[in-house]
C-alpha atoms as a PDB file:
ATOM      1  CA  MET A   1      32.390   2.738   1.404  1.00  0.00           C
ATOM      2  CA  ALA A   2      29.994   5.163   2.345  1.00  0.00           C
ATOM      3  CA  ILE A   3      29.799   6.331  -1.067  1.00  0.00           C
ATOM      4  CA  GLU A   4      28.970   2.814  -2.459  1.00  0.00           C
ATOM      5  CA  GLY A   5      26.409   2.333   0.059  1.00  0.00           C
ATOM      6  CA  ALA A   6      24.619   5.673  -1.102  1.00  0.00           C
ATOM      7  CA  ILE A   7      24.950   4.172  -5.086  1.00  0.00           C
ATOM      8  CA  ILE A   8      23.468   0.792  -3.953  1.00  0.00           C
ATOM      9  CA  THR A   9      20.650   2.521  -1.793  1.00  0.00           C
ATOM     10  CA  ASN A  10      19.546   5.057  -4.355  1.00  0.00           C
ATOM     11  CA  LEU A  11      19.917   2.770  -7.268  1.00  0.00           C
ATOM     12  CA  GLN A  12      17.693   0.168  -5.458  1.00  0.00           C
ATOM     13  CA  GLU A  13      14.988   3.019  -4.327  1.00  0.00           C
ATOM     14  CA  ALA A  14      15.299   4.017  -8.200  1.00  0.00           C
ATOM     15  CA  LEU A  15      14.556   0.579  -9.600  1.00  0.00           C
ATOM     16  CA  LYS A  16      11.597   0.294  -7.030  1.00  0.00           C
ATOM     17  CA  GLU A  17      10.160   3.573  -7.941  1.00  0.00           C
ATOM     18  CA  ASP A  18      11.026   2.915 -11.925  1.00  0.00           C
ATOM     19  CA  ARG A  19       8.809  -0.364 -11.456  1.00  0.00           C
ATOM     20  CA  LYS A  20       5.606   1.515 -10.525  1.00  0.00           C
ATOM     21  CA  CYS A  21       4.740   2.405 -14.148  1.00  0.00           C
ATOM     22  CA  LEU A  22       4.956  -1.540 -15.048  1.00  0.00           C
ATOM     23  CA  THR A  23       2.197  -2.175 -12.680  1.00  0.00           C
ATOM     24  CA  GLN A  24      -0.357   0.498 -14.381  1.00  0.00           C
ATOM     25  CA  HIS A  25      -0.885  -2.278 -17.084  1.00  0.00           C
ATOM     26  CA  SER A  26      -3.789  -4.656 -17.277  1.00  0.00           C
ATOM     27  CA  SER A  27      -2.151  -6.822 -19.806  1.00  0.00           C
ATOM     28  CA  PHE A  28       1.507  -8.346 -20.411  1.00  0.00           C
ATOM     29  CA  PRO A  29       3.057  -5.744 -22.804  1.00  0.00           C
ATOM     30  CA  ASP A  30       4.155  -6.842 -26.003  1.00  0.00           C
ATOM     31  CA  LYS A  31       7.693  -6.201 -27.545  1.00  0.00           C
ATOM     32  CA  GLU A  32       6.921  -2.662 -28.861  1.00  0.00           C
ATOM     33  CA  GLU A  33       5.219  -1.838 -25.498  1.00  0.00           C
ATOM     34  CA  ILE A  34       8.407  -2.755 -23.729  1.00  0.00           C
ATOM     35  CA  PHE A  35      10.360  -0.713 -25.829  1.00  0.00           C
ATOM     36  CA  ARG A  36       8.380   2.151 -24.982  1.00  0.00           C
ATOM     37  CA  LEU A  37       8.156   1.386 -21.045  1.00  0.00           C
ATOM     38  CA  SER A  38      11.964   1.561 -21.364  1.00  0.00           C
ATOM     39  CA  GLN A  39      11.592   5.458 -21.494  1.00  0.00           C
ATOM     40  CA  GLU A  40       9.815   5.295 -17.907  1.00  0.00           C
ATOM     41  CA  SER A  41      11.045   2.013 -16.627  1.00  0.00           C
ATOM     42  CA  PHE A  42      14.228   3.211 -16.361  1.00  0.00           C
ATOM     43  CA  ALA A  43      14.056   6.744 -15.866  1.00  0.00           C
ATOM     44  CA  HIS A  44      14.994   7.118 -12.116  1.00  0.00           C
ATOM     45  CA  THR A  45      17.657   4.608 -12.551  1.00  0.00           C
ATOM     46  CA  VAL A  46      19.533   6.177 -15.472  1.00  0.00           C
ATOM     47  CA  GLN A  47      19.331   9.564 -13.313  1.00  0.00           C
ATOM     48  CA  VAL A  48      20.869   7.896 -10.481  1.00  0.00           C
ATOM     49  CA  CYS A  49      23.737   6.649 -12.346  1.00  0.00           C
ATOM     50  CA  SER A  50      23.946   9.939 -14.216  1.00  0.00           C
ATOM     51  CA  ASP A  51      24.186  11.511 -10.601  1.00  0.00           C
ATOM     52  CA  TYR A  52      27.027   9.384  -9.452  1.00  0.00           C
ATOM     53  CA  ARG A  53      28.646   8.803 -13.159  1.00  0.00           C
ATOM     54  CA  GLU A  54      31.907  10.429 -12.072  1.00  0.00           C
ATOM     55  CA  VAL A  55      32.556   8.812  -9.051  1.00  0.00           C
ATOM     56  CA  SER A  56      31.137   5.628 -10.510  1.00  0.00           C
ATOM     57  CA  ARG A  57      33.771   6.057 -13.446  1.00  0.00           C
ATOM     58  CA  ILE A  58      36.588   5.716 -10.554  1.00  0.00           C
ATOM     59  CA  LEU A  59      34.907   2.955  -8.500  1.00  0.00           C
ATOM     60  CA  LEU A  60      33.978   0.865 -11.491  1.00  0.00           C
ATOM     61  CA  SER A  61      37.310   1.446 -13.459  1.00  0.00           C
ATOM     62  CA  PRO A  62      39.772  -1.699 -13.641  1.00  0.00           C
ATOM     63  CA  ASN A  63      41.726  -0.294 -10.497  1.00  0.00           C
ATOM     64  CA  GLY A  64      38.376   0.292  -8.736  1.00  0.00           C
ATOM     65  CA  ASP A  65      36.196  -2.023  -6.434  1.00  0.00           C
ATOM     66  CA  ILE A  66      35.392  -5.293  -8.294  1.00  0.00           C
ATOM     67  CA  ASN A  67      32.718  -5.823  -5.396  1.00  0.00           C
ATOM     68  CA  LEU A  68      30.363  -2.884  -6.213  1.00  0.00           C
ATOM     69  CA  LEU A  69      29.652  -4.212  -9.940  1.00  0.00           C
ATOM     70  CA  THR A  70      28.935  -7.561  -8.196  1.00  0.00           C
ATOM     71  CA  ARG A  71      26.329  -5.440  -5.744  1.00  0.00           C
ATOM     72  CA  ILE A  72      25.006  -3.577  -8.769  1.00  0.00           C
ATOM     73  CA  LYS A  73      24.413  -7.024 -10.527  1.00  0.00           C
ATOM     74  CA  ARG A  74      22.812  -8.622  -7.535  1.00  0.00           C
ATOM     75  CA  ILE A  75      20.264  -5.715  -6.923  1.00  0.00           C
ATOM     76  CA  THR A  76      19.616  -5.567 -10.643  1.00  0.00           C
ATOM     77  CA  TYR A  77      19.087  -9.358 -10.854  1.00  0.00           C
ATOM     78  CA  SER A  78      16.721  -8.762  -7.810  1.00  0.00           C
ATOM     79  CA  GLU A  79      14.820  -6.460  -9.335  1.00  0.00           C
ATOM     80  CA  TYR A  80      13.998  -8.142 -12.550  1.00  0.00           C
ATOM     81  CA  MET A  81      12.903 -10.899 -10.842  1.00  0.00           C
ATOM     82  CA  HIS A  82      10.198  -8.477  -9.468  1.00  0.00           C
ATOM     83  CA  ARG A  83       9.696  -7.120 -13.214  1.00  0.00           C
ATOM     84  CA  GLY A  84       9.559 -10.414 -14.705  1.00  0.00           C
ATOM     85  CA  LYS A  85       6.430 -10.997 -13.065  1.00  0.00           C
ATOM     86  CA  LEU A  86       5.003  -7.655 -14.533  1.00  0.00           C
ATOM     87  CA  LEU A  87       6.204  -7.927 -18.186  1.00  0.00           C
ATOM     88  CA  PHE A  88       6.311 -11.725 -18.799  1.00  0.00           C
ATOM     89  CA  TYR A  89       3.823 -14.487 -18.424  1.00  0.00           C
ATOM     90  CA  PHE A  90       5.714 -17.213 -16.295  1.00  0.00           C
ATOM     91  CA  ASN A  91       3.007 -19.469 -16.111  1.00  0.00           C
ATOM     92  CA  SER A  92       3.496 -22.088 -18.936  1.00  0.00           C
ATOM     93  CA  GLN A  93      -0.385 -23.024 -19.035  1.00  0.00           C
ATOM     94  CA  HIS A  94      -0.901 -19.487 -20.396  1.00  0.00           C
ATOM     95  CA  PRO A  95      -2.274 -19.327 -23.694  1.00  0.00           C
ATOM     96  CA  SER A  96       0.097 -16.665 -25.016  1.00  0.00           C
ATOM     97  CA  THR A  97       3.320 -18.229 -23.775  1.00  0.00           C
ATOM     98  CA  ASN A  98       5.607 -19.693 -26.303  1.00  0.00           C
ATOM     99  CA  VAL A  99       4.385 -23.223 -27.575  1.00  0.00           C
ATOM    100  CA  HIS A 100       8.188 -23.916 -27.570  1.00  0.00           C
ATOM    101  CA  PRO A 101       9.688 -23.494 -24.086  1.00  0.00           C
ATOM    102  CA  SER A 102      13.207 -21.635 -24.297  1.00  0.00           C
ATOM    103  CA  PRO A 103      15.936 -24.212 -23.984  1.00  0.00           C
ATOM    104  CA  ILE A 104      17.778 -21.797 -21.260  1.00  0.00           C
ATOM    105  CA  PRO A 105      16.793 -22.136 -17.734  1.00  0.00           C
ATOM    106  CA  VAL A 106      15.243 -18.723 -16.420  1.00  0.00           C
ATOM    107  CA  ASP A 107      18.154 -18.140 -14.024  1.00  0.00           C
ATOM    108  CA  TYR A 108      20.527 -17.980 -17.076  1.00  0.00           C
ATOM    109  CA  LEU A 109      17.894 -16.014 -19.195  1.00  0.00           C
ATOM    110  CA  PHE A 110      17.482 -13.473 -16.127  1.00  0.00           C
ATOM    111  CA  GLU A 111      21.354 -13.306 -16.266  1.00  0.00           C
ATOM    112  CA  ILE A 112      21.518 -12.544 -19.895  1.00  0.00           C
ATOM    113  CA  TYR A 113      18.747  -9.876 -19.357  1.00  0.00           C
ATOM    114  CA  THR A 114      20.074  -8.188 -16.238  1.00  0.00           C
ATOM    115  CA  GLY A 115      23.770  -8.612 -17.402  1.00  0.00           C
ATOM    116  CA  THR A 116      23.223  -6.742 -20.695  1.00  0.00           C
ATOM    117  CA  LEU A 117      21.222  -3.928 -19.189  1.00  0.00           C
ATOM    118  CA  THR A 118      24.007  -3.633 -16.717  1.00  0.00           C
ATOM    119  CA  ASN A 119      26.775  -3.805 -18.583  1.00  0.00           C
ATOM    120  CA  ILE A 120      25.292  -0.939 -20.774  1.00  0.00           C
ATOM    121  CA  ILE A 121      25.377   1.221 -17.812  1.00  0.00           C
ATOM    122  CA  VAL A 122      28.643   0.422 -16.757  1.00  0.00           C
ATOM    123  CA  HIS A 123      29.721   1.236 -20.413  1.00  0.00           C
ATOM    124  CA  TRP A 124      27.925   4.397 -20.705  1.00  0.00           C
ATOM    125  CA  VAL A 125      29.558   5.600 -16.928  1.00  0.00           C
ATOM    126  CA  ARG A 126      32.951   4.462 -18.083  1.00  0.00           C
ATOM    127  CA  SER A 127      32.919   6.181 -21.372  1.00  0.00           C
ATOM    128  CA  ASP A 128      33.518   9.788 -22.353  1.00  0.00           C
ATOM    129  CA  ASP A 129      30.613   9.628 -24.591  1.00  0.00           C
ATOM    130  CA  ARG A 130      28.434  12.074 -23.531  1.00  0.00           C
ATOM    131  CA  ILE A 131      25.012  10.555 -24.916  1.00  0.00           C
ATOM    132  CA  SER A 132      22.144  11.802 -23.118  1.00  0.00           C
ATOM    133  CA  THR A 133      20.217   9.823 -20.758  1.00  0.00           C
ATOM    134  CA  ILE A 134      17.135   9.825 -22.746  1.00  0.00           C
ATOM    135  CA  ALA A 135      19.452   8.209 -25.714  1.00  0.00           C
ATOM    136  CA  LEU A 136      20.666   5.618 -23.071  1.00  0.00           C
ATOM    137  CA  ARG A 137      17.111   4.430 -22.034  1.00  0.00           C
ATOM    138  CA  GLU A 138      16.637   3.963 -25.738  1.00  0.00           C
ATOM    139  CA  ILE A 139      19.622   1.530 -26.298  1.00  0.00           C
ATOM    140  CA  MET A 140      18.384  -0.154 -23.250  1.00  0.00           C
ATOM    141  CA  GLY A 141      14.986  -0.301 -24.572  1.00  0.00           C
ATOM    142  CA  TYR A 142      16.553  -1.812 -27.925  1.00  0.00           C
ATOM    143  CA  ALA A 143      18.684  -4.307 -25.828  1.00  0.00           C
ATOM    144  CA  GLN A 144      15.494  -5.544 -24.092  1.00  0.00           C
ATOM    145  CA  THR A 145      13.332  -5.944 -27.058  1.00  0.00           C
ATOM    146  CA  HIS A 146      15.984  -7.100 -29.861  1.00  0.00           C
ATOM    147  CA  SER A 147      18.390  -9.888 -29.925  1.00  0.00           C
ATOM    148  CA  PRO A 148      22.285  -8.902 -30.616  1.00  0.00           C
ATOM    149  CA  VAL A 149      21.998 -10.346 -33.952  1.00  0.00           C
ATOM    150  CA  GLU A 150      19.110  -8.294 -34.971  1.00  0.00           C
ATOM    151  CA  LEU A 151      20.661  -5.035 -33.315  1.00  0.00           C
ATOM    152  CA  ILE A 152      23.925  -5.739 -35.637  1.00  0.00           C
ATOM    153  CA  TYR A 153      21.330  -5.856 -38.519  1.00  0.00           C
ATOM    154  CA  LEU A 154      19.926  -2.565 -37.108  1.00  0.00           C
ATOM    155  CA  THR A 155      23.368  -0.760 -36.984  1.00  0.00           C
ATOM    156  CA  ASN A 156      24.518   1.516 -39.739  1.00  0.00           C
ATOM    157  CA  PHE A 157      28.314   0.680 -39.613  1.00  0.00           C
ATOM    158  CA  ASP A 158      28.740   3.181 -43.015  1.00  0.00           C
ATOM    159  CA  GLU A 159      27.638   5.965 -40.763  1.00  0.00           C
ATOM    160  CA  GLN A 160      30.401   5.568 -38.150  1.00  0.00           C
ATOM    161  CA  ALA A 161      33.266   7.832 -38.578  1.00  0.00           C
ATOM    162  CA  ASP A 162      35.887   5.821 -36.629  1.00  0.00           C
ATOM    163  CA  PRO A 163      35.421   1.980 -37.006  1.00  0.00           C
ATOM    164  CA  ASP A 164      36.964   1.149 -33.727  1.00  0.00           C
ATOM    165  CA  GLN A 165      34.341   3.053 -31.908  1.00  0.00           C
ATOM    166  CA  PRO A 166      30.565   2.039 -30.794  1.00  0.00           C
ATOM    167  CA  SER A 167      27.807   3.586 -32.955  1.00  0.00           C
ATOM    168  CA  HIS A 168      24.861   5.030 -31.109  1.00  0.00           C
ATOM    169  CA  HIS A 169      22.804   4.944 -34.642  1.00  0.00           C
ATOM    170  CA  PHE A 170      20.235   2.900 -35.158  1.00  0.00           C
ATOM    171  CA  ASN A 171      18.222   1.938 -38.563  1.00  0.00           C
ATOM    172  CA  SER A 172      14.467   2.075 -37.433  1.00  0.00           C
END
């Protein structure tokens, strides 16, 4: 419980620290800027995940504590409610918002958004793959700015050595 508490506390602090870089912009970022910001806006968060990677691998395993993942998702969701106000227009009267409103309610959109990013980190923690934290932040940047279908089109499956292993190589 003490280790889980430390993970949660440090993760919350890292998310808040990473949010600071999003407050330094006078306008809402476009898709390319959000991708670029992913290197900064996840730096502390990914470092905390890296610091706790080995113990988290055990805690997030099938024999671990499912409540830890629930707690992580809860604080991630809360953080992205804050970040959403910095990254996206929530005012439907603003001229740059979509002309066609999303058919998906905001709480579902944030569930998709935060669930995707959380699942990427959990996969990285559980994986034996030793991709760098920089590469992990890049993957998170792609996940924020591209749909799953777009990501499939960007992936070069021919370069993949083992078809049963996920590829981390994207065509730009």
